[in-house]
Protein backbone atom coordinates (compact mmCIF):
# COMPACT_ATOMS: atom_id res chain seq x y z
CA MET A 1 -22.47 2.00 -36.39
CA GLY A 2 -25.86 2.93 -34.76
CA THR A 3 -26.92 5.31 -32.09
CA LYS A 4 -24.92 4.13 -29.29
CA LEU A 5 -26.52 3.72 -25.68
CA ILE A 6 -24.95 4.83 -22.20
CA LEU A 7 -26.48 3.83 -19.05
CA ILE A 8 -26.29 6.10 -16.22
CA ILE A 9 -26.27 5.26 -12.63
CA GLY A 10 -26.50 7.39 -9.45
CA ASP A 11 -28.85 8.72 -6.61
CA ASP A 12 -28.56 12.31 -7.40
CA SER A 13 -31.80 13.26 -9.25
CA ALA A 14 -30.41 16.41 -10.66
CA ILE A 15 -26.94 14.96 -11.99
CA LEU A 16 -28.90 12.11 -13.45
CA LEU A 17 -31.20 14.82 -15.66
CA ALA A 18 -27.45 16.69 -16.29
CA LEU A 19 -26.00 14.53 -18.10
CA THR A 20 -28.94 12.51 -19.16
CA GLN A 21 -29.60 16.27 -21.08
CA PHE A 22 -25.67 16.27 -21.83
CA PHE A 23 -25.25 13.08 -23.48
CA ASN A 24 -28.90 13.55 -25.40
CA ILE A 25 -27.69 16.27 -26.84
CA ASN A 26 -24.66 14.64 -28.17
CA GLY A 27 -26.26 11.99 -30.07
CA TYR A 28 -26.38 9.54 -27.84
CA LEU A 29 -29.04 7.40 -26.28
CA THR A 30 -29.50 7.13 -22.28
CA PHE A 31 -31.04 5.14 -19.98
CA VAL A 32 -31.12 6.51 -16.16
CA VAL A 33 -31.01 3.92 -12.43
CA ASN A 34 -31.17 5.10 -9.30
CA SER A 35 -30.17 2.74 -8.10
CA GLY A 36 -26.81 -0.33 -8.33
CA PHE A 37 -29.56 -2.74 -7.14
CA HIS A 38 -31.18 -2.27 -10.33
CA VAL A 39 -28.94 -2.02 -12.91
CA PHE A 40 -28.35 -5.44 -12.52
CA GLU A 41 -32.02 -6.59 -13.93
CA VAL A 42 -31.77 -3.53 -16.52
CA LEU A 43 -28.65 -5.51 -17.99
CA LYS A 44 -30.61 -8.51 -18.04
CA TYR A 45 -32.53 -6.52 -21.32
CA LEU A 46 -30.57 -4.24 -22.33
CA LYS A 47 -26.81 -4.11 -23.14
CA PRO A 48 -25.25 -0.39 -23.49
CA ASP A 49 -22.48 0.51 -25.03
CA ALA A 50 -20.95 2.06 -22.09
CA ILE A 51 -21.78 2.94 -17.74
CA VAL A 52 -21.69 6.38 -16.40
CA CYS A 53 -22.00 5.45 -12.47
CA ASP A 54 -21.54 7.51 -9.69
CA ASP A 55 -19.44 5.88 -6.93
CA GLU A 56 -22.01 6.70 -3.72
CA MET A 57 -25.42 5.03 -5.16
CA GLN A 58 -28.36 3.43 -2.73
CA GLN A 59 -28.10 0.61 -1.22
CA ILE A 60 -24.38 -0.35 -2.68
CA ASN A 61 -21.15 1.79 -3.13
CA GLY A 62 -19.47 1.83 -6.43
CA LEU A 63 -17.00 -0.47 -5.87
CA GLU A 64 -19.09 -3.20 -5.16
CA PHE A 65 -21.10 -2.13 -7.95
CA LEU A 66 -17.99 -1.83 -9.87
CA GLN A 67 -17.30 -5.61 -8.86
CA ASN A 68 -20.43 -6.69 -9.25
CA VAL A 69 -20.86 -5.65 -13.16
CA LYS A 70 -17.06 -6.38 -14.43
CA ASP A 71 -17.74 -9.95 -13.22
CA LYS A 72 -20.44 -10.62 -15.59
CA TYR A 73 -20.30 -8.09 -17.98
CA ALA A 74 -16.82 -6.95 -18.29
CA GLU A 75 -16.90 -6.29 -21.64
CA ILE A 76 -18.90 -3.01 -20.70
CA PRO A 77 -16.54 -0.18 -19.79
CA ILE A 78 -17.26 1.92 -16.97
CA ILE A 79 -16.55 5.15 -15.96
CA MET A 80 -16.83 6.23 -12.20
CA LEU A 81 -17.93 9.95 -11.04
CA SER A 82 -16.72 10.53 -7.63
CA SER A 83 -16.43 13.42 -5.21
CA TYR A 84 -13.20 11.32 -3.43
CA GLU A 85 -9.77 12.28 -5.25
CA GLY A 86 -7.87 10.42 -2.58
CA SER A 87 -5.51 7.23 -4.59
CA ASP A 88 -6.92 4.26 -2.70
CA ILE A 89 -11.00 4.70 -4.36
CA ILE A 90 -9.10 4.70 -7.51
CA ASN A 91 -6.77 2.60 -7.09
CA GLN A 92 -9.69 -0.20 -6.06
CA ALA A 93 -11.55 1.03 -8.73
CA ILE A 94 -8.68 0.21 -11.06
CA GLN A 95 -7.74 -3.08 -9.41
CA LEU A 96 -12.19 -3.76 -10.51
CA GLY A 97 -11.62 -2.82 -13.81
CA VAL A 98 -13.15 0.73 -14.66
CA GLU A 99 -12.36 2.06 -17.69
CA ALA A 100 -12.01 5.81 -16.77
CA PHE A 101 -12.57 7.63 -13.30
CA LEU A 102 -13.09 11.27 -13.13
CA SER A 103 -13.81 13.61 -10.22
CA LYS A 104 -16.86 15.66 -9.14
CA PRO A 105 -17.61 18.23 -10.52
CA VAL A 106 -17.42 16.94 -13.64
CA ASP A 107 -15.45 18.71 -16.35
CA PHE A 108 -18.33 17.22 -19.70
CA LYS A 109 -15.87 18.08 -22.16
CA ILE A 110 -13.55 15.12 -20.90
CA LEU A 111 -15.88 13.09 -19.98
CA LEU A 112 -17.25 12.74 -23.16
CA ASP A 113 -14.32 12.43 -24.80
CA LYS A 114 -13.71 9.81 -22.22
CA VAL A 115 -16.96 7.85 -23.38
CA SER A 116 -16.27 8.77 -27.46
CA ILE A 117 -13.11 6.90 -27.01
CA LEU A 118 -14.47 4.28 -24.44
CA ILE A 119 -16.76 3.13 -26.89
CA HIS A 120 -15.03 3.33 -30.03
CA ASN A 121 -12.16 0.82 -28.78
CA ASN A 122 -14.76 -1.37 -27.54
CA ASN A 123 -16.18 -1.65 -30.73
CA SER A 124 -12.42 -2.05 -32.53
CA ASN A 125 -12.10 -5.21 -30.29
CA THR A 126 -14.63 -6.84 -31.21
CA LEU A 127 -14.59 -6.53 -35.09
CA CYS A 128 -13.80 -9.60 -36.36
């Protein structure tokens, strides 16, 4: 099965570092992108098992990012992190195909559980 790769996207360096260290300690490989625009170039060469992204990024918001990624890479599960708890953004994200939506500050145990489940389910769906 091999080590799974998590693509982490956001513009807060402290959060990116914390997420990277957390996933690495828990046995995942990570690749970090600090801009929603750069991720499209990265995805041409990298096939992550899941994406964890902030809803606030440089040059593009999380919903725009989600729409663009899901149009081209629908098979990659995405977990969106947000400081907004309103139902409007959650409903929009769900309509655009996000698999999980977590409020900040993030409970790392819940995040790890969501990532593990999504990767496992995604791999189960692709097996013959």
